[in-house]
């Protein structure tokens, strides 16, 4: 099951994702409409094999490796912000 399917299964439809990397750099991907999204991992530059889910917690999030444009890989936490 991919990231989109996990989120839809947990009742998410419209979300923002707050990404925080290993060095505490933050970025927000806003206004994601999951029913229109086809490949969320690709949009966020995530390695699908590295995804770990914590969607049943007080602060639902996922952890994954993100590929940067320079070819480097860093671990990010993506907090799900529902609206």
PDB file of N, CA and C in Angstrom:
ATOM      1  N   UNK A   1       0.844  -1.176   0.000  1.00  0.00           N
ATOM      2  CA  UNK A   1       0.000   0.000   0.000  1.00  0.00           C
ATOM      3  C   UNK A   1       0.892   1.243   0.000  1.00  0.00           C
ATOM      4  N   UNK A   2       0.611   2.196  -0.892  1.00  0.00           N
ATOM      5  CA  UNK A   2       1.438   3.393  -0.971  1.00  0.00           C
ATOM      6  C   UNK A   2       0.969   4.460   0.021  1.00  0.00           C
ATOM      7  N   UNK A   3       1.691   5.570   0.068  1.00  0.00           N
ATOM      8  CA  UNK A   3       1.417   6.628   1.043  1.00  0.00           C
ATOM      9  C   UNK A   3       0.008   7.179   0.885  1.00  0.00           C
ATOM     10  N   UNK A   4      -0.408   7.461  -0.335  1.00  0.00           N
ATOM     11  CA  UNK A   4      -1.753   7.987  -0.581  1.00  0.00           C
ATOM     12  C   UNK A   4      -2.808   7.027  -0.045  1.00  0.00           C
ATOM     13  N   UNK A   5      -2.674   5.735  -0.340  1.00  0.00           N
ATOM     14  CA  UNK A   5      -3.652   4.742   0.120  1.00  0.00           C
ATOM     15  C   UNK A   5      -3.693   4.669   1.640  1.00  0.00           C
ATOM     16  N   UNK A   6      -2.524   4.729   2.298  1.00  0.00           N
ATOM     17  CA  UNK A   6      -2.491   4.734   3.759  1.00  0.00           C
ATOM     18  C   UNK A   6      -3.257   5.935   4.312  1.00  0.00           C
ATOM     19  N   UNK A   7      -3.023   7.109   3.727  1.00  0.00           N
ATOM     20  CA  UNK A   7      -3.674   8.322   4.218  1.00  0.00           C
ATOM     21  C   UNK A   7      -5.182   8.280   3.985  1.00  0.00           C
ATOM     22  N   UNK A   8      -5.612   7.846   2.816  1.00  0.00           N
ATOM     23  CA  UNK A   8      -7.043   7.749   2.521  1.00  0.00           C
ATOM     24  C   UNK A   8      -7.709   6.750   3.459  1.00  0.00           C
ATOM     25  N   UNK A   9      -7.047   5.626   3.721  1.00  0.00           N
ATOM     26  CA  UNK A   9      -7.572   4.610   4.628  1.00  0.00           C
ATOM     27  C   UNK A   9      -7.764   5.163   6.036  1.00  0.00           C
ATOM     28  N   UNK A  10      -6.907   6.113   6.427  1.00  0.00           N
ATOM     29  CA  UNK A  10      -7.006   6.721   7.758  1.00  0.00           C
ATOM     30  C   UNK A  10      -7.917   7.950   7.767  1.00  0.00           C
ATOM     31  N   UNK A  11      -8.668   8.171   6.699  1.00  0.00           N
ATOM     32  CA  UNK A  11      -9.679   9.219   6.672  1.00  0.00           C
ATOM     33  C   UNK A  11      -9.228  10.581   6.189  1.00  0.00           C
ATOM     34  N   UNK A  12      -8.046  10.662   5.582  1.00  0.00           N
ATOM     35  CA  UNK A  12      -7.556  11.942   5.086  1.00  0.00           C
ATOM     36  C   UNK A  12      -8.022  12.173   3.651  1.00  0.00           C
ATOM     37  N   UNK A  13      -8.321  13.441   3.330  1.00  0.00           N
ATOM     38  CA  UNK A  13      -8.756  13.815   1.993  1.00  0.00           C
ATOM     39  C   UNK A  13      -7.957  15.017   1.505  1.00  0.00           C
ATOM     40  N   UNK A  14      -8.054  16.137   2.201  1.00  0.00           N
ATOM     41  CA  UNK A  14      -7.287  17.343   1.920  1.00  0.00           C
ATOM     42  C   UNK A  14      -6.268  17.507   3.037  1.00  0.00           C
ATOM     43  N   UNK A  15      -4.991  17.614   2.695  1.00  0.00           N
ATOM     44  CA  UNK A  15      -3.961  17.706   3.728  1.00  0.00           C
ATOM     45  C   UNK A  15      -2.873  18.698   3.340  1.00  0.00           C
ATOM     46  N   UNK A  16      -2.134  19.121   4.350  1.00  0.00           N
ATOM     47  CA  UNK A  16      -0.844  19.777   4.193  1.00  0.00           C
ATOM     48  C   UNK A  16       0.158  18.826   4.832  1.00  0.00           C
ATOM     49  N   UNK A  17       1.382  18.833   4.360  1.00  0.00           N
ATOM     50  CA  UNK A  17       2.433  18.015   4.956  1.00  0.00           C
ATOM     51  C   UNK A  17       3.585  18.924   5.367  1.00  0.00           C
ATOM     52  N   UNK A  18       3.953  18.850   6.638  1.00  0.00           N
ATOM     53  CA  UNK A  18       5.108  19.570   7.157  1.00  0.00           C
ATOM     54  C   UNK A  18       6.276  18.594   7.166  1.00  0.00           C
ATOM     55  N   UNK A  19       7.301  18.876   6.367  1.00  0.00           N
ATOM     56  CA  UNK A  19       8.485  18.013   6.283  1.00  0.00           C
ATOM     57  C   UNK A  19       9.604  18.610   7.128  1.00  0.00           C
ATOM     58  N   UNK A  20      10.193  17.781   7.986  1.00  0.00           N
ATOM     59  CA  UNK A  20      11.324  18.192   8.811  1.00  0.00           C
ATOM     60  C   UNK A  20      12.446  17.186   8.577  1.00  0.00           C
ATOM     61  N   UNK A  21      13.615  17.697   8.179  1.00  0.00           N
ATOM     62  CA  UNK A  21      14.719  16.781   7.898  1.00  0.00           C
ATOM     63  C   UNK A  21      15.620  16.602   9.118  1.00  0.00           C
ATOM     64  N   UNK A  22      16.691  15.844   8.930  1.00  0.00           N
ATOM     65  CA  UNK A  22      17.622  15.506  10.022  1.00  0.00           C
ATOM     66  C   UNK A  22      18.252  16.738  10.666  1.00  0.00           C
ATOM     67  N   UNK A  23      18.376  17.803   9.893  1.00  0.00           N
ATOM     68  CA  UNK A  23      19.005  19.024  10.393  1.00  0.00           C
ATOM     69  C   UNK A  23      17.978  20.048  10.864  1.00  0.00           C
ATOM     70  N   UNK A  24      16.740  19.609  11.039  1.00  0.00           N
ATOM     71  CA  UNK A  24      15.626  20.435  11.507  1.00  0.00           C
ATOM     72  C   UNK A  24      15.188  21.498  10.499  1.00  0.00           C
ATOM     73  N   UNK A  25      15.564  21.356   9.232  1.00  0.00           N
ATOM     74  CA  UNK A  25      15.044  22.235   8.187  1.00  0.00           C
ATOM     75  C   UNK A  25      13.593  21.860   7.937  1.00  0.00           C
ATOM     76  N   UNK A  26      12.734  22.856   7.782  1.00  0.00           N
ATOM     77  CA  UNK A  26      11.312  22.610   7.600  1.00  0.00           C
ATOM     78  C   UNK A  26      10.829  23.159   6.265  1.00  0.00           C
ATOM     79  N   UNK A  27       9.897  22.435   5.675  1.00  0.00           N
ATOM     80  CA  UNK A  27       9.201  22.922   4.489  1.00  0.00           C
ATOM     81  C   UNK A  27       7.779  22.365   4.538  1.00  0.00           C
ATOM     82  N   UNK A  28       6.871  23.088   3.925  1.00  0.00           N
ATOM     83  CA  UNK A  28       5.475  22.669   3.921  1.00  0.00           C
ATOM     84  C   UNK A  28       5.019  22.453   2.489  1.00  0.00           C
ATOM     85  N   UNK A  29       4.337  21.345   2.270  1.00  0.00           N
ATOM     86  CA  UNK A  29       3.686  21.090   0.994  1.00  0.00           C
ATOM     87  C   UNK A  29       2.199  21.241   1.279  1.00  0.00           C
ATOM     88  N   UNK A  30       1.630  22.323   0.772  1.00  0.00           N
ATOM     89  CA  UNK A  30       0.259  22.692   1.144  1.00  0.00           C
ATOM     90  C   UNK A  30      -0.748  22.311   0.065  1.00  0.00           C
ATOM     91  N   UNK A  31      -1.982  22.128   0.520  1.00  0.00           N
ATOM     92  CA  UNK A  31      -3.108  21.953  -0.392  1.00  0.00           C
ATOM     93  C   UNK A  31      -3.099  20.688  -1.207  1.00  0.00           C
ATOM     94  N   UNK A  32      -2.736  19.573  -0.601  1.00  0.00           N
ATOM     95  CA  UNK A  32      -2.721  18.301  -1.326  1.00  0.00           C
ATOM     96  C   UNK A  32      -4.115  17.688  -1.272  1.00  0.00           C
ATOM     97  N   UNK A  33      -4.706  17.501  -2.422  1.00  0.00           N
ATOM     98  CA  UNK A  33      -6.005  16.847  -2.533  1.00  0.00           C
ATOM     99  C   UNK A  33      -5.742  15.399  -2.923  1.00  0.00           C
ATOM    100  N   UNK A  34      -5.894  14.494  -1.967  1.00  0.00           N
ATOM    101  CA  UNK A  34      -5.474  13.107  -2.197  1.00  0.00           C
ATOM    102  C   UNK A  34      -6.241  12.422  -3.316  1.00  0.00           C
ATOM    103  N   UNK A  35      -7.513  12.753  -3.498  1.00  0.00           N
ATOM    104  CA  UNK A  35      -8.266  12.067  -4.558  1.00  0.00           C
ATOM    105  C   UNK A  35      -7.792  12.481  -5.955  1.00  0.00           C
ATOM    106  N   UNK A  36      -7.034  13.587  -6.057  1.00  0.00           N
ATOM    107  CA  UNK A  36      -6.466  14.010  -7.346  1.00  0.00           C
ATOM    108  C   UNK A  36      -5.011  13.587  -7.515  1.00  0.00           C
ATOM    109  N   UNK A  37      -4.379  13.170  -6.443  1.00  0.00           N
ATOM    110  CA  UNK A  37      -2.957  12.836  -6.450  1.00  0.00           C
ATOM    111  C   UNK A  37      -2.737  11.418  -6.980  1.00  0.00           C
ATOM    112  N   UNK A  38      -1.756  11.266  -7.863  1.00  0.00           N
ATOM    113  CA  UNK A  38      -1.480   9.925  -8.378  1.00  0.00           C
ATOM    114  C   UNK A  38      -0.238   9.299  -7.738  1.00  0.00           C
ATOM    115  N   UNK A  39       0.810  10.072  -7.508  1.00  0.00           N
ATOM    116  CA  UNK A  39       2.045   9.505  -6.966  1.00  0.00           C
ATOM    117  C   UNK A  39       2.637  10.468  -5.948  1.00  0.00           C
ATOM    118  N   UNK A  40       2.168  10.371  -4.711  1.00  0.00           N
ATOM    119  CA  UNK A  40       2.588  11.285  -3.650  1.00  0.00           C
ATOM    120  C   UNK A  40       4.070  11.124  -3.326  1.00  0.00           C
ATOM    121  N   UNK A  41       4.568   9.896  -3.351  1.00  0.00           N
ATOM    122  CA  UNK A  41       5.997   9.673  -3.087  1.00  0.00           C
ATOM    123  C   UNK A  41       6.864  10.411  -4.109  1.00  0.00           C
ATOM    124  N   UNK A  42       6.457  10.370  -5.371  1.00  0.00           N
ATOM    125  CA  UNK A  42       7.217  11.045  -6.429  1.00  0.00           C
ATOM    126  C   UNK A  42       7.177  12.555  -6.222  1.00  0.00           C
ATOM    127  N   UNK A  43       6.018  13.097  -5.884  1.00  0.00           N
ATOM    128  CA  UNK A  43       5.869  14.544  -5.660  1.00  0.00           C
ATOM    129  C   UNK A  43       6.773  15.023  -4.524  1.00  0.00           C
ATOM    130  N   UNK A  44       6.944  14.190  -3.494  1.00  0.00           N
ATOM    131  CA  UNK A  44       7.747  14.569  -2.329  1.00  0.00           C
ATOM    132  C   UNK A  44       9.194  14.076  -2.420  1.00  0.00           C
ATOM    133  N   UNK A  45       9.565  13.433  -3.523  1.00  0.00           N
ATOM    134  CA  UNK A  45      10.921  12.884  -3.740  1.00  0.00           C
ATOM    135  C   UNK A  45      11.280  11.825  -2.691  1.00  0.00           C
ATOM    136  N   UNK A  46      10.306  10.989  -2.329  1.00  0.00           N
ATOM    137  CA  UNK A  46      10.526   9.976  -1.304  1.00  0.00           C
ATOM    138  C   UNK A  46      10.875   8.630  -1.923  1.00  0.00           C
ATOM    139  N   UNK A  47      11.706   7.885  -1.230  1.00  0.00           N
ATOM    140  CA  UNK A  47      11.997   6.506  -1.604  1.00  0.00           C
ATOM    141  C   UNK A  47      10.870   5.638  -1.042  1.00  0.00           C
ATOM    142  N   UNK A  48      10.009   5.077  -1.886  1.00  0.00           N
ATOM    143  CA  UNK A  48       8.858   4.305  -1.394  1.00  0.00           C
ATOM    144  C   UNK A  48       9.243   3.136  -0.492  1.00  0.00           C
ATOM    145  N   UNK A  49      10.423   2.554  -0.712  1.00  0.00           N
ATOM    146  CA  UNK A  49      10.845   1.410   0.091  1.00  0.00           C
ATOM    147  C   UNK A  49      11.220   1.803   1.521  1.00  0.00           C
ATOM    148  N   UNK A  50      11.466   3.092   1.754  1.00  0.00           N
ATOM    149  CA  UNK A  50      11.923   3.538   3.072  1.00  0.00           C
ATOM    150  C   UNK A  50      10.793   4.046   3.974  1.00  0.00           C
ATOM    151  N   UNK A  51       9.576   4.100   3.467  1.00  0.00           N
ATOM    152  CA  UNK A  51       8.461   4.677   4.232  1.00  0.00           C
ATOM    153  C   UNK A  51       8.088   3.850   5.460  1.00  0.00           C
ATOM    154  N   UNK A  52       7.945   4.558   6.582  1.00  0.00           N
ATOM    155  CA  UNK A  52       7.439   3.971   7.823  1.00  0.00           C
ATOM    156  C   UNK A  52       6.329   4.881   8.307  1.00  0.00           C
ATOM    157  N   UNK A  53       5.215   4.297   8.743  1.00  0.00           N
ATOM    158  CA  UNK A  53       4.022   5.068   9.071  1.00  0.00           C
ATOM    159  C   UNK A  53       3.748   5.092  10.570  1.00  0.00           C
ATOM    160  N   UNK A  54       3.348   6.248  11.063  1.00  0.00           N
ATOM    161  CA  UNK A  54       2.867   6.436  12.438  1.00  0.00           C
ATOM    162  C   UNK A  54       1.591   7.264  12.348  1.00  0.00           C
ATOM    163  N   UNK A  55       0.565   6.719  11.705  1.00  0.00           N
ATOM    164  CA  UNK A  55      -0.646   7.482  11.425  1.00  0.00           C
ATOM    165  C   UNK A  55      -1.685   7.391  12.539  1.00  0.00           C
ATOM    166  N   UNK A  56      -1.500   6.494  13.494  1.00  0.00           N
ATOM    167  CA  UNK A  56      -2.454   6.361  14.589  1.00  0.00           C
ATOM    168  C   UNK A  56      -2.021   7.117  15.844  1.00  0.00           C
ATOM    169  N   UNK A  57      -0.982   7.919  15.761  1.00  0.00           N
ATOM    170  CA  UNK A  57      -0.474   8.639  16.921  1.00  0.00           C
ATOM    171  C   UNK A  57      -1.186   9.989  17.059  1.00  0.00           C
ATOM    172  N   UNK A  58      -0.891  10.698  18.160  1.00  0.00           N
ATOM    173  CA  UNK A  58      -1.467  12.029  18.365  1.00  0.00           C
ATOM    174  C   UNK A  58      -1.006  13.008  17.289  1.00  0.00           C
ATOM    175  N   UNK A  59       0.194  12.794  16.779  1.00  0.00           N
ATOM    176  CA  UNK A  59       0.752  13.627  15.711  1.00  0.00           C
ATOM    177  C   UNK A  59       1.088  12.717  14.534  1.00  0.00           C
ATOM    178  N   UNK A  60       0.083  12.418  13.694  1.00  0.00           N
ATOM    179  CA  UNK A  60       0.313  11.464  12.602  1.00  0.00           C
ATOM    180  C   UNK A  60       1.426  11.926  11.672  1.00  0.00           C
ATOM    181  N   UNK A  61       2.323  10.992  11.354  1.00  0.00           N
ATOM    182  CA  UNK A  61       3.444  11.314  10.494  1.00  0.00           C
ATOM    183  C   UNK A  61       3.982  10.056   9.819  1.00  0.00           C
ATOM    184  N   UNK A  62       4.871  10.275   8.890  1.00  0.00           N
ATOM    185  CA  UNK A  62       5.617   9.186   8.262  1.00  0.00           C
ATOM    186  C   UNK A  62       7.087   9.570   8.292  1.00  0.00           C
ATOM    187  N   UNK A  63       7.937   8.568   8.181  1.00  0.00           N
ATOM    188  CA  UNK A  63       9.379   8.767   8.104  1.00  0.00           C
ATOM    189  C   UNK A  63       9.839   8.112   6.803  1.00  0.00           C
ATOM    190  N   UNK A  64      10.695   8.808   6.066  1.00  0.00           N
ATOM    191  CA  UNK A  64      11.170   8.255   4.794  1.00  0.00           C
ATOM    192  C   UNK A  64      12.486   8.903   4.400  1.00  0.00           C
ATOM    193  N   UNK A  65      13.159   8.288   3.448  1.00  0.00           N
ATOM    194  CA  UNK A  65      14.344   8.888   2.850  1.00  0.00           C
ATOM    195  C   UNK A  65      13.895   9.742   1.674  1.00  0.00           C
ATOM    196  N   UNK A  66      14.438  10.963   1.621  1.00  0.00           N
ATOM    197  CA  UNK A  66      14.098  11.896   0.552  1.00  0.00           C
ATOM    198  C   UNK A  66      15.334  12.138  -0.303  1.00  0.00           C
ATOM    199  N   UNK A  67      15.147  12.070  -1.611  1.00  0.00           N
ATOM    200  CA  UNK A  67      16.248  12.288  -2.543  1.00  0.00           C
ATOM    201  C   UNK A  67      16.306  13.763  -2.905  1.00  0.00           C
ATOM    202  N   UNK A  68      17.471  14.373  -2.758  1.00  0.00           N
ATOM    203  CA  UNK A  68      17.658  15.766  -3.133  1.00  0.00           C
ATOM    204  C   UNK A  68      18.115  15.854  -4.574  1.00  0.00           C
ATOM    205  N   UNK A  69      18.030  17.049  -5.139  1.00  0.00           N
ATOM    206  CA  UNK A  69      18.424  17.259  -6.534  1.00  0.00           C
ATOM    207  C   UNK A  69      19.888  16.922  -6.772  1.00  0.00           C
ATOM    208  N   UNK A  70      20.726  17.118  -5.751  1.00  0.00           N
ATOM    209  CA  UNK A  70      22.154  16.838  -5.899  1.00  0.00           C
ATOM    210  C   UNK A  70      22.465  15.351  -5.803  1.00  0.00           C
ATOM    211  N   UNK A  71      21.447  14.528  -5.602  1.00  0.00           N
ATOM    212  CA  UNK A  71      21.648  13.097  -5.490  1.00  0.00           C
ATOM    213  C   UNK A  71      21.825  12.614  -4.066  1.00  0.00           C
ATOM    214  N   UNK A  72      21.907  13.545  -3.116  1.00  0.00           N
ATOM    215  CA  UNK A  72      22.041  13.158  -1.716  1.00  0.00           C
ATOM    216  C   UNK A  72      20.698  12.644  -1.188  1.00  0.00           C
ATOM    217  N   UNK A  73      20.782  11.846  -0.136  1.00  0.00           N
ATOM    218  CA  UNK A  73      19.584  11.299   0.493  1.00  0.00           C
ATOM    219  C   UNK A  73      19.578  11.737   1.951  1.00  0.00           C
ATOM    220  N   UNK A  74      18.427  12.205   2.422  1.00  0.00           N
ATOM    221  CA  UNK A  74      18.281  12.571   3.825  1.00  0.00           C
ATOM    222  C   UNK A  74      16.974  11.997   4.348  1.00  0.00           C
ATOM    223  N   UNK A  75      16.943  11.761   5.642  1.00  0.00           N
ATOM    224  CA  UNK A  75      15.731  11.234   6.259  1.00  0.00           C
ATOM    225  C   UNK A  75      14.834  12.406   6.670  1.00  0.00           C
ATOM    226  N   UNK A  76      13.547  12.282   6.365  1.00  0.00           N
ATOM    227  CA  UNK A  76      12.577  13.323   6.724  1.00  0.00           C
ATOM    228  C   UNK A  76      11.416  12.714   7.497  1.00  0.00           C
ATOM    229  N   UNK A  77      10.807  13.541   8.338  1.00  0.00           N
ATOM    230  CA  UNK A  77       9.538  13.209   8.961  1.00  0.00           C
ATOM    231  C   UNK A  77       8.502  14.102   8.295  1.00  0.00           C
ATOM    232  N   UNK A  78       7.391  13.512   7.896  1.00  0.00           N
ATOM    233  CA  UNK A  78       6.314  14.264   7.268  1.00  0.00           C
ATOM    234  C   UNK A  78       5.095  14.242   8.168  1.00  0.00           C
ATOM    235  N   UNK A  79       4.811  15.371   8.810  1.00  0.00           N
ATOM    236  CA  UNK A  79       3.641  15.480   9.681  1.00  0.00           C
ATOM    237  C   UNK A  79       2.411  15.823   8.859  1.00  0.00           C
ATOM    238  N   UNK A  80       1.343  15.096   9.074  1.00  0.00           N
ATOM    239  CA  UNK A  80       0.110  15.269   8.335  1.00  0.00           C
ATOM    240  C   UNK A  80      -0.755  16.319   9.033  1.00  0.00           C
ATOM    241  N   UNK A  81      -1.054  17.393   8.325  1.00  0.00           N
ATOM    242  CA  UNK A  81      -1.895  18.449   8.860  1.00  0.00           C
ATOM    243  C   UNK A  81      -3.209  18.418   8.085  1.00  0.00           C
ATOM    244  N   UNK A  82      -4.274  18.029   8.751  1.00  0.00           N
ATOM    245  CA  UNK A  82      -5.579  17.881   8.092  1.00  0.00           C
ATOM    246  C   UNK A  82      -6.338  19.181   8.159  1.00  0.00           C
ATOM    247  N   UNK A  83      -7.039  19.510   7.073  1.00  0.00           N
ATOM    248  CA  UNK A  83      -7.880  20.701   7.081  1.00  0.00           C
ATOM    249  C   UNK A  83      -9.163  20.452   6.334  1.00  0.00           C
TER     250      UNK A  83
END
